[in-house]
Each structure stands twice: as structure tokens, then as C-alpha cells.
């Protein structure tokens, strides 16, 4: 079984069990592949509160929907952050 196939299975299981809620899916859907985002940048593109973004990002990190990448400066705050990138599930 390939990594992509395993990812699809895991994604479907998490969706079915409710581990991926509607807020997490709206964040995930708003992200482009191969582009990283700080939490504040996710606030800007989704309109969700920072507390919601942080909670859902942590959930998605735990189940492998996204991953943290090389630290960089946030485009909004200018602070050094660990941005996240969307992983392919299909």
C-alpha cells in the first residue's frame, strides 16, 4: 500500500468518526497545496478566530492532515513562526 493510499484511508476514517469537524475541513479546504501558512495567515483567509484556528491546526497535526515546516517570518505579524502545509490526501 502506498503512502497516498494510507492517507486516503486515514482521512476517511477520521471523517467517519468525527475527528475531522467542519471547522477543520474549512481550514483544510482554504489551504493551497505546496503553500505554507502561519496561524494568523489562516485567520486572514478563513475569517475564523485565532483560538479556533490553533485548536483545529493542533487536531489536524495530530492526525497527519497537515505538517509543520521550516520556520519563517509571518506575513502578518512579522514574528518567526512554524508554518503548516497541507498534505495530500488524494
Protein backbone atom coordinates (compact mmCIF):
# COMPACT_ATOMS: atom_id res chain seq x y z
CA UNK A 1 0.00 0.00 0.00
CA UNK A 2 1.35 3.44 -0.92
CA UNK A 3 1.57 6.46 1.37
CA UNK A 4 -1.18 8.16 -0.64
CA UNK A 5 -3.50 5.17 -0.23
CA UNK A 6 -2.80 5.05 3.51
CA UNK A 7 -3.51 8.79 3.76
CA UNK A 8 -6.84 8.40 2.00
CA UNK A 9 -7.88 5.56 4.29
CA UNK A 10 -6.85 7.52 7.41
CA UNK A 11 -8.68 10.63 6.18
CA UNK A 12 -11.89 8.67 5.53
CA UNK A 13 -11.69 7.03 8.96
CA UNK A 14 -11.20 10.36 10.70
CA UNK A 15 -14.12 11.89 8.76
CA UNK A 16 -16.36 8.93 9.62
CA UNK A 17 -15.51 9.02 13.32
CA UNK A 18 -16.00 12.78 13.55
CA UNK A 19 -12.36 13.51 14.35
CA UNK A 20 -12.34 15.99 11.47
CA UNK A 21 -15.05 18.54 12.09
CA UNK A 22 -16.46 21.22 9.84
CA UNK A 23 -14.11 23.94 11.11
CA UNK A 24 -11.05 21.80 10.45
CA UNK A 25 -12.34 20.96 6.99
CA UNK A 26 -12.98 24.62 6.18
CA UNK A 27 -9.39 25.44 7.16
CA UNK A 28 -8.02 22.47 5.21
CA UNK A 29 -10.09 23.38 2.14
CA UNK A 30 -8.91 27.01 2.26
CA UNK A 31 -5.26 25.95 2.11
CA UNK A 32 -3.42 25.51 -1.19
CA UNK A 33 -1.08 22.58 -1.67
CA UNK A 34 2.64 23.42 -1.53
CA UNK A 35 1.99 26.72 0.25
CA UNK A 36 2.68 27.18 3.95
CA UNK A 37 0.60 29.23 6.38
CA UNK A 38 1.07 30.74 9.81
CA UNK A 39 -1.88 30.53 12.18
CA UNK A 40 -2.51 34.27 11.70
CA UNK A 41 -2.47 33.84 7.92
CA UNK A 42 -5.09 31.11 8.31
CA UNK A 43 -7.21 33.55 10.35
CA UNK A 44 -6.96 36.03 7.46
CA UNK A 45 -8.05 33.54 4.78
CA UNK A 46 -10.81 31.80 6.76
CA UNK A 47 -12.25 34.54 8.98
CA UNK A 48 -12.16 32.20 11.98
CA UNK A 49 -10.89 33.30 15.40
CA UNK A 50 -7.25 32.59 16.28
CA UNK A 51 -8.31 30.29 19.12
CA UNK A 52 -10.35 28.19 16.68
CA UNK A 53 -7.50 28.09 14.18
CA UNK A 54 -4.99 26.99 16.83
CA UNK A 55 -7.23 24.23 18.13
CA UNK A 56 -8.09 22.86 14.71
CA UNK A 57 -4.46 23.10 13.50
CA UNK A 58 -3.37 21.05 16.51
CA UNK A 59 -6.03 18.43 15.72
CA UNK A 60 -5.01 18.26 12.06
CA UNK A 61 -1.33 17.99 13.02
CA UNK A 62 -2.11 15.05 15.29
CA UNK A 63 -3.95 13.09 12.61
CA UNK A 64 -1.50 13.91 9.82
CA UNK A 65 -3.60 16.17 7.60
CA UNK A 66 -1.01 18.94 7.81
CA UNK A 67 2.58 19.24 8.99
CA UNK A 68 4.82 21.97 10.33
CA UNK A 69 7.63 23.11 8.06
CA UNK A 70 10.74 25.30 8.26
CA UNK A 71 10.27 28.37 10.48
CA UNK A 72 9.86 31.73 8.74
CA UNK A 73 8.51 35.21 9.40
CA UNK A 74 4.72 35.52 9.46
CA UNK A 75 3.49 37.84 6.69
CA UNK A 76 1.02 39.42 9.13
CA UNK A 77 2.88 39.71 12.46
CA UNK A 78 6.49 39.62 11.30
CA UNK A 79 7.26 37.12 14.08
CA UNK A 80 9.12 33.88 13.43
CA UNK A 81 6.60 31.05 13.28
CA UNK A 82 6.39 27.36 12.42
CA UNK A 83 4.02 27.43 9.45
CA UNK A 84 1.91 24.48 8.39
CA UNK A 85 1.43 22.91 4.98
CA UNK A 86 -1.45 20.82 3.67
CA UNK A 87 -0.63 17.19 2.97
CA UNK A 88 -2.15 15.39 0.02
CA UNK A 89 -4.96 13.03 0.99
CA UNK A 90 -5.91 12.04 -2.55
